[in-house]
Amino acid sequence: MNLLNQYRGLRREIYVLFFGRIVTNLGSMIWPVMTLILSQKLGLSAAQISYYFVASSIITLPADIIGGKLADRFNKKRIIIICDTVSILCYFVCAAIPLGVGTVIIFIVAAIFQSMEYPSYDALFADMTLTKDRERAYSLEYLGGNLGLVLSPTIAGILFKDYLWLSFLISGIAIALSTVLIGVMIKDITPVEDTSEESEYQEKKEGVGVFRILRENPMLILYLVCCAFYYGAYGQYGFIMPLDMAAVHGDSGAVIFGTVSSLNCITVVIFTPLITKLFEKVRDTGKIIIGRMLVLAGYLVFLLLIGFIPGYYAAMLIFTWGEIFSTVSEGPYISTRIPASHRGRINGIMCVVAAVVTGSIDLTAGQLYDRVGSTWTWVFIFALAVVSIVSAIFLKALDKNAYPKLYKKSEE
């Protein structure tokens, strides 16, 4: 109960967004099996699948930029509702038509609008929390998302063979319920007034270009590099890992990967409150390093035990601990170091950088997988993870000098 009490005292709207995230992710059944849809349903090779991921990333880049600008200029709640409505319609159409290239294209359209709303959603959590409460709020958002995801990957694996259309339908219904919840229950999105010394770096700077903000905060550039390589390596969990499972276990690979993905979500639900509480005195930069190292360790266990099904679950447990450390620290890190007037645009730029790097890595990984096999592809992935760890160590070493007021309280 003490673990749950740490989430008390936040604004009412934060809890509504929390429940909205649960409902939405109850229907997130497509992305966990997308690699298997492309490989087993549409007959694409690993390289061809990488082209799909790269193409979809390129197409969503403008959405990230546009979504960031919209978040900084217009009503964030309205942006979320409009984007969700388009996504809902796309999912319903995907459920109604035969599976094929057209289905994939419509699904990409839905993903574009989901990407467009992300900067608004993320900025709302920052707008409605004080600096001292930021980590708890982002931890709660992450917990809600994974509460919804606990069963959906397993259900997707079960429906994959004969009832894939039903996964699209359920996803559309779930997003619709979440949209209604947010539209009806959230009335006030006025940003909180934070007068603490720590909030000085978040003072609004109207009329200042986003690239000037980045030039004035070089640590953000280093942070972007750290995140780009991390997400490039992290993303192979949904690309190379299911390909390996399908290669070893055939048609059973979809069900196995679905249950492994569900373990990911169960682990998040169980350990996010625990990690948030036990490591509350560890700075966000320290958590980022721990997260990167655990993700690398999880991949290593997976590779060493491939073919041994219980080993997949051990690997996922370690991998997910790393994911938790990374996720609960990244939102607070960026939101406490940029002006509140630029949160949407900075988040949009982060999405673009991550998409470009991740797309390039997917393309390279797909080519490697087809030409030289799984082992050398994983060597490449490990190298990316090591780069993300090293850059995170540099970030921790330099951050204190760049943002001394964020460290002043802990030194008193």
Protein backbone atom coordinates (compact mmCIF):
# COMPACT_ATOMS: atom_id res chain seq x y z
CA MET A 1 0.00 0.00 0.00
CA ASN A 2 2.92 2.36 0.70
CA LEU A 3 4.03 1.84 -2.89
CA LEU A 4 0.64 3.02 -4.14
CA ASN A 5 0.51 5.93 -1.66
CA GLN A 6 3.46 7.53 -3.43
CA TYR A 7 1.07 8.42 -6.28
CA ARG A 8 -1.32 10.35 -4.03
CA GLY A 9 -1.60 14.13 -4.16
CA LEU A 10 -1.39 14.65 -7.92
CA ARG A 11 -3.95 16.65 -9.88
CA ARG A 12 -7.26 14.98 -10.73
CA GLU A 13 -6.54 15.29 -14.44
CA ILE A 14 -3.40 13.18 -14.06
CA TYR A 15 -5.49 10.28 -12.78
CA VAL A 16 -7.94 10.65 -15.67
CA LEU A 17 -5.06 10.47 -18.15
CA PHE A 18 -3.78 7.46 -16.22
CA PHE A 19 -7.07 5.59 -16.65
CA GLY A 20 -7.27 6.75 -20.25
CA ARG A 21 -3.89 5.20 -20.91
CA ILE A 22 -5.05 1.90 -19.37
CA VAL A 23 -8.13 1.71 -21.59
CA THR A 24 -6.25 2.67 -24.76
CA ASN A 25 -3.56 0.06 -24.24
CA LEU A 26 -6.09 -2.66 -23.52
CA GLY A 27 -6.53 -2.66 -27.29
CA SER A 28 -2.91 -2.25 -28.36
CA MET A 29 -2.83 -5.57 -30.14
CA ILE A 30 -1.30 -4.76 -33.51
CA TRP A 31 2.20 -3.43 -32.85
CA PRO A 32 3.30 -6.45 -30.76
CA VAL A 33 2.67 -8.76 -33.73
CA MET A 34 3.41 -6.37 -36.62
CA THR A 35 6.69 -8.10 -37.50
CA LEU A 36 4.86 -11.43 -37.62
CA ILE A 37 2.02 -9.96 -39.70
CA LEU A 38 4.53 -8.77 -42.29
CA SER A 39 6.58 -11.96 -42.26
CA GLN A 40 4.02 -14.75 -41.85
CA LYS A 41 0.83 -13.16 -43.23
CA LEU A 42 2.30 -11.08 -46.07
CA GLY A 43 5.44 -13.17 -46.71
CA LEU A 44 8.05 -10.41 -46.39
CA SER A 45 11.73 -11.06 -45.64
CA ALA A 46 13.61 -9.40 -42.77
CA ALA A 47 15.07 -6.81 -45.16
CA GLN A 48 11.64 -6.05 -46.61
CA ILE A 49 10.19 -5.70 -43.13
CA SER A 50 12.95 -3.23 -42.29
CA TYR A 51 11.93 -1.20 -45.37
CA TYR A 52 8.41 -1.08 -44.00
CA PHE A 53 9.61 0.16 -40.61
CA VAL A 54 11.88 2.76 -42.22
CA ALA A 55 9.14 3.96 -44.57
CA SER A 56 6.61 4.26 -41.76
CA SER A 57 9.17 6.15 -39.65
CA ILE A 58 9.87 8.60 -42.48
CA ILE A 59 6.17 9.16 -43.06
CA THR A 60 5.54 9.89 -39.37
CA LEU A 61 8.40 12.43 -39.09
CA PRO A 62 6.28 15.42 -40.21
CA ALA A 63 3.58 14.29 -37.77
CA ASP A 64 6.02 14.51 -34.86
CA ILE A 65 7.09 18.04 -35.84
CA ILE A 66 3.54 19.21 -36.53
CA GLY A 67 2.29 17.60 -33.32
CA GLY A 68 4.97 19.39 -31.30
CA LYS A 69 4.08 22.80 -32.77
CA LEU A 70 0.37 22.20 -32.24
CA ALA A 71 0.98 21.20 -28.61
CA ASP A 72 2.76 24.49 -27.88
CA ARG A 73 0.16 26.66 -29.61
CA PHE A 74 -3.28 25.08 -29.21
CA ASN A 75 -5.49 23.24 -26.72
CA LYS A 76 -3.69 19.95 -25.99
CA LYS A 77 -6.85 18.09 -24.97
CA ARG A 78 -8.54 18.99 -28.26
CA ILE A 79 -5.52 17.82 -30.25
CA ILE A 80 -5.61 14.43 -28.49
CA ILE A 81 -9.33 13.98 -29.19
CA ILE A 82 -9.07 14.90 -32.89
CA CYS A 83 -6.06 12.65 -33.50
CA ASP A 84 -7.66 9.77 -31.62
CA THR A 85 -10.84 10.08 -33.67
CA VAL A 86 -8.92 9.64 -36.92
CA SER A 87 -7.05 6.63 -35.47
CA ILE A 88 -10.30 5.01 -34.37
CA LEU A 89 -11.79 5.26 -37.87
CA CYS A 90 -8.62 3.75 -39.36
CA TYR A 91 -8.75 0.76 -37.01
CA PHE A 92 -12.39 0.10 -37.83
CA VAL A 93 -11.63 0.19 -41.56
CA CYS A 94 -8.70 -2.23 -41.05
CA ALA A 95 -11.05 -4.62 -39.27
CA ALA A 96 -13.59 -4.46 -42.10
CA ILE A 97 -11.35 -5.06 -45.13
CA PRO A 98 -9.28 -8.14 -46.11
CA LEU A 99 -5.73 -8.16 -44.77
CA GLY A 100 -3.26 -6.87 -47.34
CA VAL A 101 -1.06 -3.94 -48.31
CA GLY A 102 -4.05 -1.61 -48.03
CA THR A 103 -4.57 -2.65 -44.41
CA VAL A 104 -0.94 -1.85 -43.65
CA ILE A 105 -1.22 1.58 -45.28
CA ILE A 106 -4.35 2.46 -43.29
CA PHE A 107 -2.68 1.25 -40.12
CA ILE A 108 0.26 3.58 -40.86
CA VAL A 109 -2.23 6.48 -41.16
CA ALA A 110 -3.53 5.61 -37.70
CA ALA A 111 0.07 5.52 -36.42
CA ILE A 112 0.71 8.97 -37.91
CA PHE A 113 -2.11 10.51 -35.91
CA GLN A 114 -1.09 8.64 -32.77
CA SER A 115 2.39 10.13 -33.22
CA MET A 116 0.91 13.57 -33.73
CA GLU A 117 -0.89 13.46 -30.39
CA TYR A 118 2.09 12.19 -28.37
CA PRO A 119 3.75 15.60 -27.75
CA SER A 120 0.44 16.95 -26.41
CA TYR A 121 -0.08 13.96 -24.13
CA ASP A 122 3.47 14.12 -22.79
CA ALA A 123 3.36 17.90 -22.32
CA LEU A 124 0.11 17.65 -20.35
CA PHE A 125 1.79 15.50 -17.72
CA ALA A 126 4.54 18.10 -17.36
CA ASP A 127 2.14 21.07 -17.40
CA MET A 128 -0.01 19.68 -14.61
CA THR A 129 2.72 18.66 -12.15
CA LEU A 130 5.24 20.51 -10.03
CA THR A 131 8.89 19.75 -10.65
CA LYS A 132 9.11 17.75 -7.42
CA ASP A 133 6.18 15.56 -8.51
CA ARG A 134 7.26 15.05 -12.12
CA GLU A 135 8.85 11.62 -11.70
CA ARG A 136 5.81 10.25 -9.86
CA ALA A 137 3.49 11.53 -12.60
CA TYR A 138 5.49 9.98 -15.42
CA SER A 139 5.83 6.77 -13.44
CA LEU A 140 2.03 6.67 -13.08
CA GLU A 141 1.56 7.26 -16.82
CA TYR A 142 3.94 4.43 -17.63
CA LEU A 143 2.24 2.15 -15.10
CA GLY A 144 -1.18 2.86 -16.61
CA GLY A 145 0.01 2.12 -20.12
CA ASN A 146 1.34 -1.26 -19.08
CA LEU A 147 -1.67 -2.17 -16.96
CA GLY A 148 -3.58 -2.01 -20.22
CA LEU A 149 -0.93 -3.96 -22.09
CA VAL A 150 -0.80 -6.93 -19.71
CA LEU A 151 -3.18 -9.10 -21.70
CA SER A 152 -3.29 -7.50 -25.15
CA PRO A 153 -0.06 -9.06 -26.60
CA THR A 154 -1.14 -12.55 -25.50
CA ILE A 155 -4.63 -12.04 -26.93
CA ALA A 156 -3.04 -10.74 -30.15
CA GLY A 157 -0.92 -13.90 -30.37
CA ILE A 158 -4.01 -16.07 -29.90
CA LEU A 159 -6.06 -14.13 -32.49
CA PHE A 160 -3.14 -13.89 -34.90
CA LYS A 161 -3.77 -17.05 -36.92
CA ASP A 162 -7.51 -16.90 -37.68
CA TYR A 163 -9.02 -13.75 -36.15
CA LEU A 164 -6.52 -10.96 -36.75
CA TRP A 165 -9.32 -8.64 -37.88
CA LEU A 166 -10.75 -8.79 -34.37
CA SER A 167 -7.52 -7.31 -32.99
CA PHE A 168 -8.06 -4.22 -35.15
CA LEU A 169 -11.67 -3.92 -34.00
CA ILE A 170 -10.80 -4.23 -30.31
CA SER A 171 -8.04 -1.62 -30.69
CA GLY A 172 -10.46 0.87 -32.25
CA ILE A 173 -13.07 0.33 -29.53
CA ALA A 174 -10.49 0.73 -26.75
CA ILE A 175 -9.14 4.02 -28.16
CA ALA A 176 -12.73 5.26 -28.55
CA LEU A 177 -13.49 4.56 -24.88
CA SER A 178 -10.29 6.35 -23.82
CA THR A 179 -11.15 9.36 -25.98
CA VAL A 180 -14.61 9.65 -24.45
CA LEU A 181 -13.11 9.38 -20.96
CA ILE A 182 -10.61 12.20 -21.61
CA GLY A 183 -13.19 14.36 -23.38
CA VAL A 184 -15.78 14.11 -20.60
CA MET A 185 -13.64 13.94 -17.44
CA ILE A 186 -10.85 16.43 -18.12
CA LYS A 187 -12.13 19.99 -17.71
CA ASP A 188 -9.09 22.03 -16.67
CA ILE A 189 -5.67 21.80 -18.34
CA THR A 190 -4.28 25.05 -16.93
CA PRO A 191 -0.56 24.56 -16.19
CA VAL A 192 0.42 24.62 -12.52
CA GLU A 193 2.42 27.54 -11.16
CA ASP A 194 5.78 26.26 -9.96
CA THR A 195 7.79 28.82 -7.98
CA SER A 196 10.56 26.49 -6.78
CA GLU A 197 14.18 27.24 -7.59
CA GLU A 198 14.34 24.00 -9.57
CA SER A 199 11.72 25.32 -11.98
CA GLU A 200 13.91 28.20 -13.18
CA TYR A 201 15.04 26.27 -16.25
CA GLN A 202 11.37 25.81 -17.22
CA GLU A 203 10.49 29.52 -17.48
CA LYS A 204 8.65 30.27 -20.71
CA LYS A 205 10.61 31.89 -23.55
CA GLU A 206 8.01 33.05 -26.04
CA GLY A 207 9.28 34.04 -29.46
CA VAL A 208 12.51 32.05 -29.11
CA GLY A 209 13.22 29.42 -31.76
CA VAL A 210 13.51 25.80 -30.72
CA PHE A 211 16.99 25.44 -32.23
CA ARG A 212 18.21 28.36 -30.15
CA ILE A 213 16.96 26.55 -27.06
CA LEU A 214 18.97 23.50 -28.12
CA ARG A 215 22.10 25.60 -28.73
CA GLU A 216 21.77 27.14 -25.28
CA ASN A 217 21.38 23.68 -23.71
CA PRO A 218 24.08 21.40 -25.22
CA MET A 219 23.23 18.69 -22.69
CA LEU A 220 19.96 18.22 -24.55
CA ILE A 221 21.95 17.35 -27.68
CA LEU A 222 23.93 14.76 -25.75
CA TYR A 223 20.70 13.46 -24.27
CA LEU A 224 19.22 13.10 -27.77
CA VAL A 225 22.26 11.09 -28.86
CA CYS A 226 21.96 8.88 -25.79
CA CYS A 227 18.25 8.27 -26.42
CA ALA A 228 18.61 7.73 -30.16
CA PHE A 229 21.09 4.87 -29.79
CA TYR A 230 19.14 3.43 -26.88
CA TYR A 231 15.85 3.34 -28.77
CA GLY A 232 17.63 1.98 -31.83
CA ALA A 233 18.81 -0.97 -29.75
CA TYR A 234 15.61 -1.21 -27.68
CA GLY A 235 13.42 -1.39 -30.81
CA GLN A 236 14.93 -4.70 -31.86
CA TYR A 237 12.84 -6.29 -29.13
CA GLY A 238 9.91 -5.97 -31.55
CA PHE A 239 11.86 -6.73 -34.74
CA ILE A 240 14.76 -9.18 -34.51
CA MET A 241 13.55 -10.98 -31.39
CA PRO A 242 10.22 -12.18 -32.90
CA LEU A 243 12.03 -13.12 -36.13
CA ASP A 244 14.37 -15.33 -34.11
CA MET A 245 11.45 -16.89 -32.26
CA ALA A 246 9.62 -17.58 -35.52
CA ALA A 247 12.77 -19.09 -37.03
CA VAL A 248 13.24 -21.43 -34.07
CA HIS A 249 9.63 -22.22 -33.15
CA GLY A 250 7.68 -21.76 -36.41
CA ASP A 251 3.98 -20.95 -36.08
CA SER A 252 4.27 -21.11 -32.29
CA GLY A 253 6.56 -18.08 -32.40
CA ALA A 254 3.65 -15.63 -32.42
CA VAL A 255 2.08 -17.10 -29.29
CA ILE A 256 5.44 -17.32 -27.50
CA PHE A 257 6.33 -13.74 -28.39
CA GLY A 258 2.86 -12.61 -27.29
CA THR A 259 3.27 -14.20 -23.87
CA VAL A 260 6.80 -12.80 -23.53
CA SER A 261 5.43 -9.34 -24.35
CA SER A 262 2.72 -9.81 -21.74
CA LEU A 263 5.41 -10.66 -19.18
CA ASN A 264 7.02 -7.35 -20.12
CA CYS A 265 3.80 -5.58 -19.15
CA ILE A 266 3.23 -7.62 -15.98
CA THR A 267 6.78 -6.84 -14.88
CA VAL A 268 6.19 -3.14 -15.46
CA VAL A 269 2.99 -3.23 -13.39
CA ILE A 270 4.68 -5.03 -10.49
CA PHE A 271 8.06 -3.33 -10.46
CA THR A 272 7.39 0.27 -11.58
CA PRO A 273 6.01 1.38 -8.18
CA LEU A 274 8.76 -0.58 -6.41
CA ILE A 275 11.61 0.86 -8.49
CA THR A 276 10.13 4.38 -8.29
CA LYS A 277 10.01 4.14 -4.49
CA LEU A 278 13.30 2.35 -3.81
CA PHE A 279 15.33 4.53 -6.18
CA GLU A 280 13.61 7.86 -5.54
CA LYS A 281 16.89 9.36 -4.28
CA VAL A 282 18.85 8.24 -7.35
CA ARG A 283 19.03 11.10 -9.84
CA ASP A 284 17.42 10.76 -13.25
CA THR A 285 20.83 10.58 -14.94
CA GLY A 286 21.82 7.65 -12.72
CA LYS A 287 18.59 5.80 -13.54
CA ILE A 288 19.22 6.31 -17.25
CA ILE A 289 22.58 4.53 -16.98
CA ILE A 290 21.11 1.64 -14.96
CA GLY A 291 18.31 1.25 -17.51
CA ARG A 292 20.65 1.04 -20.49
CA MET A 293 22.84 -1.54 -18.78
CA LEU A 294 19.91 -3.78 -17.85
CA VAL A 295 18.49 -3.70 -21.39
CA LEU A 296 21.86 -4.84 -22.72
CA ALA A 297 21.97 -7.62 -20.10
CA GLY A 298 18.47 -8.77 -21.09
CA TYR A 299 19.46 -9.07 -24.73
CA LEU A 300 22.56 -11.02 -23.77
CA VAL A 301 20.52 -13.53 -21.78
CA PHE A 302 18.09 -13.93 -24.70
CA LEU A 303 20.91 -14.68 -27.14
CA LEU A 304 22.64 -17.13 -24.80
CA LEU A 305 19.41 -19.05 -24.13
CA ILE A 306 17.74 -18.89 -27.54
CA GLY A 307 15.73 -22.06 -28.20
CA PHE A 308 15.14 -22.54 -24.46
CA ILE A 309 11.67 -21.03 -23.90
CA PRO A 310 11.99 -20.32 -20.13
CA GLY A 311 15.14 -18.37 -20.98
CA TYR A 312 13.04 -15.89 -22.97
CA TYR A 313 11.11 -15.00 -19.85
CA ALA A 314 14.28 -14.54 -17.79
CA ALA A 315 15.68 -12.29 -20.50
CA MET A 316 12.46 -10.28 -20.66
CA LEU A 317 12.41 -9.79 -16.90
CA ILE A 318 15.89 -8.23 -16.95
CA PHE A 319 15.15 -6.28 -20.13
CA THR A 320 11.97 -4.84 -18.59
CA TRP A 321 13.75 -3.70 -15.44
CA GLY A 322 15.99 -1.69 -17.75
CA GLU A 323 12.98 -0.32 -19.60
CA ILE A 324 11.42 0.81 -16.32
CA PHE A 325 14.54 2.65 -15.15
CA SER A 326 14.83 4.38 -18.53
CA THR A 327 11.18 5.36 -18.88
CA VAL A 328 10.59 6.77 -15.38
CA SER A 329 13.68 8.97 -15.70
CA GLU A 330 13.52 10.28 -19.28
CA GLY A 331 10.31 12.33 -19.04
CA PRO A 332 11.40 14.12 -15.84
CA TYR A 333 14.89 14.72 -17.26
CA ILE A 334 13.77 16.55 -20.36
CA SER A 335 10.80 18.40 -18.84
CA THR A 336 12.84 19.94 -16.00
CA ARG A 337 15.53 21.31 -18.35
CA ILE A 338 13.53 23.03 -21.09
CA PRO A 339 11.20 26.06 -21.08
CA ALA A 340 7.53 25.14 -20.63
CA SER A 341 6.77 27.07 -23.83
CA HIS A 342 8.83 24.60 -25.88
CA ARG A 343 7.84 21.21 -24.42
CA GLY A 344 5.76 20.15 -27.39
CA ARG A 345 8.36 21.12 -29.99
CA ILE A 346 11.27 19.56 -28.10
CA ASN A 347 9.28 16.35 -27.69
CA GLY A 348 8.52 16.45 -31.41
CA ILE A 349 12.21 16.82 -32.26
CA MET A 350 13.07 13.94 -29.94
CA CYS A 351 10.54 11.76 -31.76
CA VAL A 352 12.04 12.73 -35.12
CA VAL A 353 15.61 11.99 -34.03
CA ALA A 354 14.55 8.67 -32.53
CA ALA A 355 12.60 7.75 -35.67
CA VAL A 356 15.47 8.61 -38.03
CA VAL A 357 18.07 6.69 -36.03
CA THR A 358 15.75 3.78 -35.28
CA GLY A 359 14.70 3.56 -38.93
CA SER A 360 18.32 3.50 -40.07
CA ILE A 361 19.11 0.84 -37.49
CA ASP A 362 16.11 -1.27 -38.51
CA LEU A 363 17.23 -1.07 -42.12
CA THR A 364 20.77 -2.12 -41.22
CA ALA A 365 19.57 -4.88 -38.89
CA GLY A 366 17.23 -6.27 -41.54
CA GLN A 367 20.02 -6.37 -44.13
CA LEU A 368 22.40 -8.01 -41.68
CA TYR A 369 19.82 -10.59 -40.63
CA ASP A 370 19.19 -11.67 -44.23
CA ARG A 371 22.85 -11.66 -45.30
CA VAL A 372 24.90 -12.84 -42.34
CA GLY A 373 22.32 -14.23 -39.93
CA SER A 374 21.13 -13.61 -36.41
CA THR A 375 24.41 -13.74 -34.49
CA TRP A 376 26.13 -10.85 -36.27
CA THR A 377 22.92 -8.85 -36.17
CA TRP A 378 22.95 -9.15 -32.39
CA VAL A 379 26.60 -8.08 -32.29
CA PHE A 380 25.48 -4.90 -34.05
CA ILE A 381 22.64 -4.42 -31.56
CA PHE A 382 25.00 -4.90 -28.60
CA ALA A 383 27.34 -2.26 -30.04
CA LEU A 384 24.47 0.22 -30.19
CA ALA A 385 23.53 -0.52 -26.60
CA VAL A 386 27.12 0.04 -25.46
CA VAL A 387 27.21 3.43 -27.21
CA SER A 388 24.01 4.42 -25.42
CA ILE A 389 25.55 3.43 -22.07
CA VAL A 390 28.76 5.37 -22.69
CA SER A 391 26.86 8.50 -23.77
CA ALA A 392 24.66 8.22 -20.67
CA ILE A 393 27.77 8.11 -18.47
CA PHE A 394 29.06 11.30 -20.12
CA LEU A 395 25.63 12.87 -19.64
CA LYS A 396 25.69 12.16 -15.92
CA ALA A 397 29.22 13.55 -15.55
CA LEU A 398 28.44 16.84 -17.34
CA ASP A 399 24.85 17.48 -16.28
CA LYS A 400 25.59 18.89 -12.83
CA ASN A 401 27.66 21.76 -14.22
CA ALA A 402 25.01 22.54 -16.83
CA TYR A 403 22.05 22.60 -14.41
CA PRO A 404 23.47 23.31 -10.93
CA LYS A 405 20.14 24.42 -9.39
CA LEU A 406 18.66 20.98 -9.92
CA TYR A 407 21.39 19.57 -7.67
CA LYS A 408 21.47 22.32 -5.06
CA LYS A 409 18.68 20.88 -2.89
CA SER A 410 20.31 17.48 -2.58
CA GLU A 411 23.56 19.08 -1.41
CA GLU A 412 21.98 21.10 1.37
